[in-house]
């Protein structure tokens, strides 16, 4: 939890964030105008970047270095966010399904009535055995 708070805490001014991300401060302003990053603001309106923002800026740099233009980068970031959202939803649904199965199994255990397990050997009735022809009868010849 503490690590999560540290990663999202906006502490870096634009010049430090630009240096950490390996870009010019003006590039950060362009990324913000294009909606690629959304830094926090102080009461006076100054931008503040978090570790998570810096990671995102580095990712943007990797994508542009691979040949994507800023619109392509924006689309990739949207798709990555959608994949992450769907993964979280899938995990939530899987957890709900596991819980439902566990509840059902607990219900089965409550509903089942234990029966004394006793093996009774048997075979088809026939000549020489008491019982009606063709019906199952207890085989008393075996211990």
C-alpha atoms as a PDB file:
ATOM      1  CA  UNK A   1       0.000   0.000   0.000  1.00  0.00           C
ATOM      2  CA  UNK A   2       2.777   2.409   0.940  1.00  0.00           C
ATOM      3  CA  UNK A   3       4.584   1.667  -2.336  1.00  0.00           C
ATOM      4  CA  UNK A   4       1.383   2.413  -4.288  1.00  0.00           C
ATOM      5  CA  UNK A   5       1.017   5.782  -2.549  1.00  0.00           C
ATOM      6  CA  UNK A   6       4.678   6.587  -3.249  1.00  0.00           C
ATOM      7  CA  UNK A   7       4.302   5.752  -6.970  1.00  0.00           C
ATOM      8  CA  UNK A   8       1.239   7.993  -7.370  1.00  0.00           C
ATOM      9  CA  UNK A   9       2.406  10.897  -5.227  1.00  0.00           C
ATOM     10  CA  UNK A  10       3.121  13.853  -7.510  1.00  0.00           C
ATOM     11  CA  UNK A  11       6.424  15.364  -6.411  1.00  0.00           C
ATOM     12  CA  UNK A  12       8.503  16.117  -9.510  1.00  0.00           C
ATOM     13  CA  UNK A  13       8.430  19.545 -11.147  1.00  0.00           C
ATOM     14  CA  UNK A  14       8.377  19.609 -14.940  1.00  0.00           C
ATOM     15  CA  UNK A  15      12.132  20.122 -15.380  1.00  0.00           C
ATOM     16  CA  UNK A  16      12.985  17.127 -13.156  1.00  0.00           C
ATOM     17  CA  UNK A  17      10.291  14.968 -14.760  1.00  0.00           C
ATOM     18  CA  UNK A  18      11.601  15.852 -18.230  1.00  0.00           C
ATOM     19  CA  UNK A  19      15.139  14.944 -17.219  1.00  0.00           C
ATOM     20  CA  UNK A  20      14.040  11.636 -15.659  1.00  0.00           C
ATOM     21  CA  UNK A  21      12.013  10.763 -18.770  1.00  0.00           C
ATOM     22  CA  UNK A  22      14.758  11.879 -21.141  1.00  0.00           C
ATOM     23  CA  UNK A  23      12.714  14.546 -22.946  1.00  0.00           C
ATOM     24  CA  UNK A  24      12.544  18.328 -23.145  1.00  0.00           C
ATOM     25  CA  UNK A  25      10.055  20.089 -20.804  1.00  0.00           C
ATOM     26  CA  UNK A  26       8.298  21.480 -23.877  1.00  0.00           C
ATOM     27  CA  UNK A  27       7.688  17.877 -25.006  1.00  0.00           C
ATOM     28  CA  UNK A  28       5.910  17.205 -21.708  1.00  0.00           C
ATOM     29  CA  UNK A  29       3.663  20.196 -22.315  1.00  0.00           C
ATOM     30  CA  UNK A  30       2.887  18.855 -25.812  1.00  0.00           C
ATOM     31  CA  UNK A  31       2.083  15.412 -24.388  1.00  0.00           C
ATOM     32  CA  UNK A  32      -0.255  17.039 -21.906  1.00  0.00           C
ATOM     33  CA  UNK A  33      -2.018  19.036 -24.649  1.00  0.00           C
ATOM     34  CA  UNK A  34      -2.444  15.818 -26.653  1.00  0.00           C
ATOM     35  CA  UNK A  35      -3.915  14.045 -23.623  1.00  0.00           C
ATOM     36  CA  UNK A  36      -1.085  11.542 -23.236  1.00  0.00           C
ATOM     37  CA  UNK A  37      -0.273  12.572 -19.666  1.00  0.00           C
ATOM     38  CA  UNK A  38      -2.255  14.370 -17.004  1.00  0.00           C
ATOM     39  CA  UNK A  39       0.067  15.647 -14.277  1.00  0.00           C
ATOM     40  CA  UNK A  40      -1.255  16.883 -10.963  1.00  0.00           C
ATOM     41  CA  UNK A  41      -1.329  20.607 -10.298  1.00  0.00           C
ATOM     42  CA  UNK A  42      -0.402  22.572  -7.211  1.00  0.00           C
ATOM     43  CA  UNK A  43      -2.644  25.276  -5.813  1.00  0.00           C
ATOM     44  CA  UNK A  44      -0.662  27.774  -7.890  1.00  0.00           C
ATOM     45  CA  UNK A  45      -1.104  25.752 -11.096  1.00  0.00           C
ATOM     46  CA  UNK A  46       2.398  24.260 -11.357  1.00  0.00           C
ATOM     47  CA  UNK A  47       2.645  20.760 -12.810  1.00  0.00           C
ATOM     48  CA  UNK A  48       3.758  17.923 -10.564  1.00  0.00           C
ATOM     49  CA  UNK A  49       4.636  14.457 -11.878  1.00  0.00           C
ATOM     50  CA  UNK A  50       4.572  11.143 -10.001  1.00  0.00           C
ATOM     51  CA  UNK A  51       6.687   8.010 -10.474  1.00  0.00           C
ATOM     52  CA  UNK A  52       3.763   6.531 -12.393  1.00  0.00           C
ATOM     53  CA  UNK A  53       3.744   9.594 -14.679  1.00  0.00           C
ATOM     54  CA  UNK A  54       7.487   9.190 -15.259  1.00  0.00           C
ATOM     55  CA  UNK A  55       6.983   5.512 -16.174  1.00  0.00           C
ATOM     56  CA  UNK A  56       4.240   6.523 -18.601  1.00  0.00           C
ATOM     57  CA  UNK A  57       6.505   9.177 -20.162  1.00  0.00           C
ATOM     58  CA  UNK A  58       9.245   6.591 -20.638  1.00  0.00           C
ATOM     59  CA  UNK A  59       6.711   4.237 -22.243  1.00  0.00           C
ATOM     60  CA  UNK A  60       5.616   7.034 -24.595  1.00  0.00           C
ATOM     61  CA  UNK A  61       9.263   7.631 -25.502  1.00  0.00           C
ATOM     62  CA  UNK A  62       9.724   3.912 -26.246  1.00  0.00           C
ATOM     63  CA  UNK A  63       6.668   3.916 -28.508  1.00  0.00           C
ATOM     64  CA  UNK A  64       7.738   7.032 -30.416  1.00  0.00           C
ATOM     65  CA  UNK A  65      11.260   5.618 -30.757  1.00  0.00           C
ATOM     66  CA  UNK A  66       9.662   2.504 -32.302  1.00  0.00           C
ATOM     67  CA  UNK A  67       8.135   4.733 -34.990  1.00  0.00           C
ATOM     68  CA  UNK A  68       4.641   5.561 -33.700  1.00  0.00           C
ATOM     69  CA  UNK A  69       3.332   9.077 -34.052  1.00  0.00           C
ATOM     70  CA  UNK A  70       1.540  10.697 -31.108  1.00  0.00           C
ATOM     71  CA  UNK A  71      -1.907   9.605 -32.323  1.00  0.00           C
ATOM     72  CA  UNK A  72      -0.624   6.028 -32.548  1.00  0.00           C
ATOM     73  CA  UNK A  73       0.825   6.341 -29.060  1.00  0.00           C
ATOM     74  CA  UNK A  74      -2.507   7.657 -27.754  1.00  0.00           C
ATOM     75  CA  UNK A  75      -4.340   4.707 -29.316  1.00  0.00           C
ATOM     76  CA  UNK A  76      -1.844   2.171 -27.934  1.00  0.00           C
ATOM     77  CA  UNK A  77      -2.204   3.666 -24.455  1.00  0.00           C
ATOM     78  CA  UNK A  78      -6.016   3.484 -24.738  1.00  0.00           C
ATOM     79  CA  UNK A  79      -5.846  -0.160 -25.831  1.00  0.00           C
ATOM     80  CA  UNK A  80      -3.436  -1.035 -23.021  1.00  0.00           C
ATOM     81  CA  UNK A  81      -5.771   0.590 -20.505  1.00  0.00           C
ATOM     82  CA  UNK A  82      -8.716  -1.350 -21.980  1.00  0.00           C
ATOM     83  CA  UNK A  83      -6.790  -4.630 -21.757  1.00  0.00           C
ATOM     84  CA  UNK A  84      -5.953  -3.886 -18.123  1.00  0.00           C
ATOM     85  CA  UNK A  85      -9.594  -3.057 -17.359  1.00  0.00           C
ATOM     86  CA  UNK A  86     -10.735  -6.295 -19.020  1.00  0.00           C
ATOM     87  CA  UNK A  87      -8.134  -8.335 -17.118  1.00  0.00           C
ATOM     88  CA  UNK A  88      -9.368  -6.881 -13.844  1.00  0.00           C
ATOM     89  CA  UNK A  89     -12.974  -7.598 -14.819  1.00  0.00           C
ATOM     90  CA  UNK A  90     -12.084 -11.164 -15.809  1.00  0.00           C
ATOM     91  CA  UNK A  91     -10.340 -11.720 -12.482  1.00  0.00           C
ATOM     92  CA  UNK A  92     -13.365 -10.321 -10.635  1.00  0.00           C
ATOM     93  CA  UNK A  93     -15.744 -12.611 -12.556  1.00  0.00           C
ATOM     94  CA  UNK A  94     -13.471 -15.622 -11.962  1.00  0.00           C
ATOM     95  CA  UNK A  95     -13.440 -14.866  -8.235  1.00  0.00           C
ATOM     96  CA  UNK A  96     -17.242 -14.567  -8.214  1.00  0.00           C
ATOM     97  CA  UNK A  97     -17.528 -17.906 -10.045  1.00  0.00           C
ATOM     98  CA  UNK A  98     -15.157 -19.592  -7.567  1.00  0.00           C
ATOM     99  CA  UNK A  99     -17.203 -18.198  -4.674  1.00  0.00           C
ATOM    100  CA  UNK A 100     -20.446 -19.420  -6.258  1.00  0.00           C
ATOM    101  CA  UNK A 101     -19.029 -22.926  -6.753  1.00  0.00           C
ATOM    102  CA  UNK A 102     -17.767 -23.002  -3.159  1.00  0.00           C
ATOM    103  CA  UNK A 103     -21.179 -21.890  -1.859  1.00  0.00           C
ATOM    104  CA  UNK A 104     -22.855 -24.573  -3.967  1.00  0.00           C
ATOM    105  CA  UNK A 105     -20.488 -27.249  -2.654  1.00  0.00           C
ATOM    106  CA  UNK A 106     -21.142 -26.148   0.928  1.00  0.00           C
ATOM    107  CA  UNK A 107     -24.871 -26.365   0.224  1.00  0.00           C
ATOM    108  CA  UNK A 108     -24.451 -29.891  -1.188  1.00  0.00           C
ATOM    109  CA  UNK A 109     -22.574 -30.959   1.927  1.00  0.00           C
ATOM    110  CA  UNK A 110     -25.412 -29.687   4.112  1.00  0.00           C
ATOM    111  CA  UNK A 111     -28.074 -31.375   1.980  1.00  0.00           C
ATOM    112  CA  UNK A 112     -26.384 -34.781   1.757  1.00  0.00           C
ATOM    113  CA  UNK A 113     -27.375 -37.310   4.402  1.00  0.00           C
ATOM    114  CA  UNK A 114     -24.565 -39.650   5.405  1.00  0.00           C
ATOM    115  CA  UNK A 115     -25.365 -43.309   4.794  1.00  0.00           C
ATOM    116  CA  UNK A 116     -23.552 -46.134   6.486  1.00  0.00           C
ATOM    117  CA  UNK A 117     -21.304 -47.589   3.858  1.00  0.00           C
ATOM    118  CA  UNK A 118     -21.670 -51.369   3.770  1.00  0.00           C
ATOM    119  CA  UNK A 119     -20.675 -53.589   0.888  1.00  0.00           C
ATOM    120  CA  UNK A 120     -23.270 -56.211   0.103  1.00  0.00           C
ATOM    121  CA  UNK A 121     -22.137 -58.684  -2.547  1.00  0.00           C
ATOM    122  CA  UNK A 122     -24.858 -59.572  -5.037  1.00  0.00           C
ATOM    123  CA  UNK A 123     -25.427 -61.311  -8.313  1.00  0.00           C
ATOM    124  CA  UNK A 124     -28.325 -62.102 -10.572  1.00  0.00           C
ATOM    125  CA  UNK A 125     -30.786 -64.585  -9.215  1.00  0.00           C
ATOM    126  CA  UNK A 126     -30.870 -67.884 -11.052  1.00  0.00           C
ATOM    127  CA  UNK A 127     -31.279 -71.591 -10.608  1.00  0.00           C
ATOM    128  CA  UNK A 128     -30.108 -72.799  -7.253  1.00  0.00           C
ATOM    129  CA  UNK A 129     -30.444 -69.437  -5.557  1.00  0.00           C
ATOM    130  CA  UNK A 130     -33.434 -68.208  -3.695  1.00  0.00           C
ATOM    131  CA  UNK A 131     -35.139 -65.285  -5.365  1.00  0.00           C
ATOM    132  CA  UNK A 132     -37.073 -64.570  -8.445  1.00  0.00           C
ATOM    133  CA  UNK A 133     -35.459 -65.332 -11.799  1.00  0.00           C
ATOM    134  CA  UNK A 134     -33.824 -62.240 -13.312  1.00  0.00           C
ATOM    135  CA  UNK A 135     -33.917 -60.072 -10.182  1.00  0.00           C
ATOM    136  CA  UNK A 136     -30.963 -59.086  -8.096  1.00  0.00           C
ATOM    137  CA  UNK A 137     -30.624 -61.031  -4.887  1.00  0.00           C
ATOM    138  CA  UNK A 138     -28.082 -60.974  -2.136  1.00  0.00           C
ATOM    139  CA  UNK A 139     -25.325 -63.552  -2.642  1.00  0.00           C
ATOM    140  CA  UNK A 140     -25.028 -65.351   0.685  1.00  0.00           C
ATOM    141  CA  UNK A 141     -22.432 -67.794  -0.571  1.00  0.00           C
ATOM    142  CA  UNK A 142     -19.601 -65.271  -0.042  1.00  0.00           C
ATOM    143  CA  UNK A 143     -18.527 -64.097   3.385  1.00  0.00           C
END
